[in-house]
Amino acid sequence: MEKKNMPGASQAPKSLATTKDTTMAIETRAGVLKDAESEIPKFKANVYLQYLGKEFSTKEILVKAKNTWMKESGKGPEDIKSINIYVKPEEFAAYYVINDDATGKIDL
């Protein structure tokens, strides 16, 4: 009995050809984070807090907190590195934290 030629039965296995990888590496650059304040356009802005028919300027609250701290501590404005103010209109008060350690309260 004669063997019928089956596809690939009598043929030698084909070798796989290898080629050099010619793809180019993708180059990326990490962006530098910018300070959020540096992207705010320079213009004059006023922010007001209105509560129960009264109005408070955030600028006035900041100045009052700064002046109160300077009076109590005996230090000058050049000594302020950071200031955080927490306004509690229901108490008609604002609380401040200066340089992450000095705290105080001002009446609105």
Protein backbone atom coordinates (compact mmCIF):
# COMPACT_ATOMS: atom_id res chain seq x y z
CA MET A 1 0.00 0.00 0.00
CA GLU A 2 1.29 3.30 -0.99
CA LYS A 3 1.24 6.21 1.41
CA LYS A 4 -0.67 9.17 0.26
CA ASN A 5 1.02 12.48 0.63
CA MET A 6 -0.45 14.18 3.59
CA PRO A 7 0.18 17.88 3.73
CA GLY A 8 3.30 18.44 5.76
CA ALA A 9 3.86 14.72 6.40
CA SER A 10 6.79 14.27 4.12
CA GLN A 11 8.05 17.80 4.23
CA ALA A 12 10.74 18.93 6.63
CA PRO A 13 9.56 21.36 9.30
CA LYS A 14 10.00 24.94 8.30
CA SER A 15 12.40 26.95 10.42
CA LEU A 16 11.28 30.17 11.98
CA ALA A 17 13.12 33.20 10.74
CA THR A 18 14.16 35.78 13.28
CA THR A 19 14.60 39.43 12.52
CA LYS A 20 16.15 42.26 14.41
CA ASP A 21 13.68 44.38 16.35
CA THR A 22 13.49 47.65 14.49
CA THR A 23 10.76 49.27 16.58
CA MET A 24 11.69 52.54 18.14
CA ALA A 25 11.46 53.10 21.85
CA ILE A 26 8.80 55.57 22.92
CA GLU A 27 10.35 58.47 24.71
CA THR A 28 8.34 60.13 27.45
CA ARG A 29 8.91 63.13 29.62
CA ALA A 30 7.55 63.56 33.11
CA GLY A 31 5.88 66.90 33.61
CA VAL A 32 7.00 69.10 36.46
CA LEU A 33 4.20 69.91 38.89
CA LYS A 34 3.67 73.61 39.19
CA ASP A 35 2.50 75.37 42.28
CA ALA A 36 -1.23 75.95 41.92
CA GLU A 37 -0.82 79.61 42.87
CA SER A 38 1.61 80.22 40.01
CA GLU A 39 -1.13 79.43 37.50
CA ILE A 40 -3.64 81.90 38.94
CA PRO A 41 -3.75 84.99 36.74
CA LYS A 42 -2.70 88.19 38.45
CA PHE A 43 -5.74 90.35 39.05
CA LYS A 44 -7.49 92.04 41.93
CA ALA A 45 -10.06 89.85 43.65
CA ASN A 46 -12.25 90.29 46.70
CA VAL A 47 -14.04 87.49 48.53
CA TYR A 48 -16.90 88.22 50.92
CA LEU A 49 -18.69 85.96 53.36
CA GLN A 50 -22.35 86.79 53.85
CA TYR A 51 -24.21 85.26 56.76
CA LEU A 52 -27.48 86.21 58.48
CA GLY A 53 -27.56 89.65 56.90
CA LYS A 54 -23.92 90.49 57.73
CA GLU A 55 -20.98 90.68 55.37
CA PHE A 56 -17.33 89.95 56.13
CA SER A 57 -14.40 90.56 53.82
CA THR A 58 -11.90 87.71 53.81
CA LYS A 59 -9.15 90.28 53.32
CA GLU A 60 -10.22 92.11 56.48
CA ILE A 61 -10.35 88.81 58.39
CA LEU A 62 -6.81 87.99 57.24
CA VAL A 63 -5.48 91.41 58.23
CA LYS A 64 -7.21 91.25 61.62
CA ALA A 65 -5.80 87.77 62.33
CA LYS A 66 -2.30 88.86 61.30
CA ASN A 67 -2.44 92.04 63.40
CA THR A 68 -3.80 90.18 66.44
CA TRP A 69 -1.02 87.58 66.20
CA MET A 70 1.68 90.27 65.83
CA LYS A 71 0.32 92.17 68.84
CA GLU A 72 0.16 89.02 71.00
CA SER A 73 3.50 87.53 69.90
CA GLY A 74 5.53 90.70 69.51
CA LYS A 75 6.73 89.48 66.11
CA GLY A 76 6.53 91.18 62.72
CA PRO A 77 4.93 90.24 59.40
CA GLU A 78 8.27 88.92 58.13
CA ASP A 79 8.01 86.16 60.76
CA ILE A 80 4.86 84.71 59.18
CA LYS A 81 5.65 81.70 57.02
CA SER A 82 2.09 80.36 56.72
CA ILE A 83 -1.36 81.29 57.90
CA ASN A 84 -4.58 79.26 57.86
CA ILE A 85 -7.90 80.81 58.80
CA TYR A 86 -11.05 78.91 59.66
CA VAL A 87 -14.19 81.07 59.54
CA LYS A 88 -17.13 79.97 61.67
CA PRO A 89 -19.93 82.36 60.78
CA GLU A 90 -22.37 80.67 63.17
CA GLU A 91 -20.05 81.77 66.00
CA PHE A 92 -19.23 85.14 64.36
CA ALA A 93 -15.58 84.16 64.82
CA ALA A 94 -12.52 83.12 62.86
CA TYR A 95 -9.74 80.90 64.15
CA TYR A 96 -6.20 81.18 62.83
CA VAL A 97 -3.08 79.03 62.82
CA ILE A 98 0.16 80.81 62.04
CA ASN A 99 3.38 78.94 61.22
CA ASP A 100 1.65 75.66 62.12
CA ASP A 101 1.94 76.36 65.87
CA ALA A 102 0.44 79.67 67.01
CA THR A 103 -3.34 79.66 67.28
CA GLY A 104 -5.90 82.28 68.12
CA LYS A 105 -9.42 83.52 67.67
CA ILE A 106 -10.79 86.80 66.35
CA ASP A 107 -14.35 88.08 66.52
CA LEU A 108 -16.02 89.04 63.28
